[in-house]
Amino acid sequence: MLADHPDIRTKGVAEALAIHPFMLSWWKKEMKDRKLSDKDAVTIPAADLAEAQAEIRRLEKRLAQLEEENDILKQFERFVAEKEQRRSKP
């Protein structure tokens, strides 16, 4: 099952399936407790999985880039505020 893969987070799988992570966790528990069988599980083709993983990597890189840009803007904001503060002192 995709949600049991060690390199894939439950939250990511739930988002890809457009369901709440709690629901997926509950289903995983049901499978573990043998209340659901493997025949009830949905399989995803390997090509789709690879495509999804590539998209996740792309989005993680973009997130890192945006976080870095945000940090730079915060530093600049502090710099400008300090400069204004020094200017306003008699």
C-alpha atoms as a PDB file:
ATOM      1  CA  MET A   1       0.000   0.000   0.000  1.00  0.00           C
ATOM      2  CA  LEU A   2       1.328   3.429  -0.953  1.00  0.00           C
ATOM      3  CA  ALA A   3       0.536   4.920   2.456  1.00  0.00           C
ATOM      4  CA  ASP A   4       2.741   2.278   4.128  1.00  0.00           C
ATOM      5  CA  HIS A   5       5.821   3.164   2.064  1.00  0.00           C
ATOM      6  CA  PRO A   6       8.575   4.347   4.453  1.00  0.00           C
ATOM      7  CA  ASP A   7       9.595   7.317   2.252  1.00  0.00           C
ATOM      8  CA  ILE A   8       6.078   8.643   1.771  1.00  0.00           C
ATOM      9  CA  ARG A   9       4.244  10.567   4.478  1.00  0.00           C
ATOM     10  CA  THR A  10       0.607   9.829   5.242  1.00  0.00           C
ATOM     11  CA  LYS A  11      -0.177  13.520   4.940  1.00  0.00           C
ATOM     12  CA  GLY A  12       1.223  13.646   1.401  1.00  0.00           C
ATOM     13  CA  VAL A  13      -0.777  10.616   0.312  1.00  0.00           C
ATOM     14  CA  ALA A  14      -3.936  12.038   1.873  1.00  0.00           C
ATOM     15  CA  GLU A  15      -3.431  15.351   0.079  1.00  0.00           C
ATOM     16  CA  ALA A  16      -2.883  13.550  -3.225  1.00  0.00           C
ATOM     17  CA  LEU A  17      -6.140  11.662  -2.680  1.00  0.00           C
ATOM     18  CA  ALA A  18      -7.919  14.837  -1.539  1.00  0.00           C
ATOM     19  CA  ILE A  19      -8.900  13.294   1.797  1.00  0.00           C
ATOM     20  CA  HIS A  20      -8.190  14.260   5.386  1.00  0.00           C
ATOM     21  CA  PRO A  21      -4.993  12.641   6.795  1.00  0.00           C
ATOM     22  CA  PHE A  22      -7.018  11.351   9.755  1.00  0.00           C
ATOM     23  CA  MET A  23      -9.184   9.301   7.367  1.00  0.00           C
ATOM     24  CA  LEU A  24      -6.136   7.680   5.799  1.00  0.00           C
ATOM     25  CA  SER A  25      -4.620   6.967   9.205  1.00  0.00           C
ATOM     26  CA  TRP A  26      -7.895   5.404  10.296  1.00  0.00           C
ATOM     27  CA  TRP A  27      -7.989   3.191   7.181  1.00  0.00           C
ATOM     28  CA  LYS A  28      -4.384   2.150   7.784  1.00  0.00           C
ATOM     29  CA  LYS A  29      -5.315   1.153  11.331  1.00  0.00           C
ATOM     30  CA  GLU A  30      -8.313  -0.768  10.022  1.00  0.00           C
ATOM     31  CA  MET A  31      -6.010  -2.651   7.624  1.00  0.00           C
ATOM     32  CA  LYS A  32      -3.565  -3.398  10.423  1.00  0.00           C
ATOM     33  CA  ASP A  33      -6.364  -4.662  12.652  1.00  0.00           C
ATOM     34  CA  ARG A  34      -7.594  -6.786   9.717  1.00  0.00           C
ATOM     35  CA  LYS A  35     -10.945  -5.020   9.569  1.00  0.00           C
ATOM     36  CA  LEU A  36     -10.196  -4.145   5.923  1.00  0.00           C
ATOM     37  CA  SER A  37      -8.595  -6.476   3.416  1.00  0.00           C
ATOM     38  CA  ASP A  38      -6.060  -5.828   0.673  1.00  0.00           C
ATOM     39  CA  LYS A  39      -8.812  -6.296  -1.899  1.00  0.00           C
ATOM     40  CA  ASP A  40     -10.357  -3.063  -0.542  1.00  0.00           C
ATOM     41  CA  ALA A  41      -7.118  -1.152  -1.138  1.00  0.00           C
ATOM     42  CA  VAL A  42      -6.674   1.161  -4.097  1.00  0.00           C
ATOM     43  CA  THR A  43      -3.555   0.611  -6.171  1.00  0.00           C
ATOM     44  CA  ILE A  44      -1.764   3.404  -7.977  1.00  0.00           C
ATOM     45  CA  PRO A  45       0.326   2.641 -11.073  1.00  0.00           C
ATOM     46  CA  ALA A  46       4.083   3.061 -10.612  1.00  0.00           C
ATOM     47  CA  ALA A  47       4.195   5.723 -13.341  1.00  0.00           C
ATOM     48  CA  ASP A  48       1.636   7.823 -11.455  1.00  0.00           C
ATOM     49  CA  LEU A  49       3.595   7.365  -8.238  1.00  0.00           C
ATOM     50  CA  ALA A  50       6.840   8.464  -9.892  1.00  0.00           C
ATOM     51  CA  GLU A  51       5.084  11.496 -11.363  1.00  0.00           C
ATOM     52  CA  ALA A  52       3.618  12.402  -7.972  1.00  0.00           C
ATOM     53  CA  GLN A  53       7.005  12.031  -6.273  1.00  0.00           C
ATOM     54  CA  ALA A  54       8.615  14.271  -8.912  1.00  0.00           C
ATOM     55  CA  GLU A  55       5.918  16.880  -8.326  1.00  0.00           C
ATOM     56  CA  ILE A  56       6.457  16.669  -4.563  1.00  0.00           C
ATOM     57  CA  ARG A  57      10.219  17.208  -5.026  1.00  0.00           C
ATOM     58  CA  ARG A  58       9.523  20.198  -7.318  1.00  0.00           C
ATOM     59  CA  LEU A  59       7.129  21.712  -4.798  1.00  0.00           C
ATOM     60  CA  GLU A  60       9.553  21.130  -1.913  1.00  0.00           C
ATOM     61  CA  LYS A  61      12.291  22.967  -3.844  1.00  0.00           C
ATOM     62  CA  ARG A  62       9.890  25.822  -4.610  1.00  0.00           C
ATOM     63  CA  LEU A  63       8.877  26.002  -0.946  1.00  0.00           C
ATOM     64  CA  ALA A  64      12.520  26.184   0.125  1.00  0.00           C
ATOM     65  CA  GLN A  65      13.138  28.965  -2.395  1.00  0.00           C
ATOM     66  CA  LEU A  66      10.117  30.957  -1.191  1.00  0.00           C
ATOM     67  CA  GLU A  67      11.118  30.505   2.450  1.00  0.00           C
ATOM     68  CA  GLU A  68      14.594  31.810   1.648  1.00  0.00           C
ATOM     69  CA  GLU A  69      13.135  34.805  -0.191  1.00  0.00           C
ATOM     70  CA  ASN A  70      10.840  35.483   2.752  1.00  0.00           C
ATOM     71  CA  ASP A  71      13.798  35.403   5.163  1.00  0.00           C
ATOM     72  CA  ILE A  72      15.689  37.876   2.972  1.00  0.00           C
ATOM     73  CA  LEU A  73      12.696  40.224   2.915  1.00  0.00           C
ATOM     74  CA  LYS A  74      12.382  40.024   6.706  1.00  0.00           C
ATOM     75  CA  GLN A  75      16.081  40.863   7.078  1.00  0.00           C
ATOM     76  CA  PHE A  76      15.681  43.812   4.719  1.00  0.00           C
ATOM     77  CA  GLU A  77      12.633  45.005   6.645  1.00  0.00           C
ATOM     78  CA  ARG A  78      14.624  44.934   9.907  1.00  0.00           C
ATOM     79  CA  PHE A  79      17.510  46.748   8.208  1.00  0.00           C
ATOM     80  CA  VAL A  80      15.231  49.534   6.963  1.00  0.00           C
ATOM     81  CA  ALA A  81      13.523  49.850  10.359  1.00  0.00           C
ATOM     82  CA  GLU A  82      16.899  50.127  12.135  1.00  0.00           C
ATOM     83  CA  LYS A  83      18.086  52.696   9.605  1.00  0.00           C
ATOM     84  CA  GLU A  84      14.950  54.785  10.126  1.00  0.00           C
ATOM     85  CA  GLN A  85      15.335  54.471  13.875  1.00  0.00           C
ATOM     86  CA  ARG A  86      18.949  55.739  13.720  1.00  0.00           C
ATOM     87  CA  ARG A  87      17.883  58.609  11.491  1.00  0.00           C
ATOM     88  CA  SER A  88      15.133  59.754  13.860  1.00  0.00           C
ATOM     89  CA  LYS A  89      17.389  59.875  16.945  1.00  0.00           C
ATOM     90  CA  PRO A  90      18.554  63.415  17.854  1.00  0.00           C
END
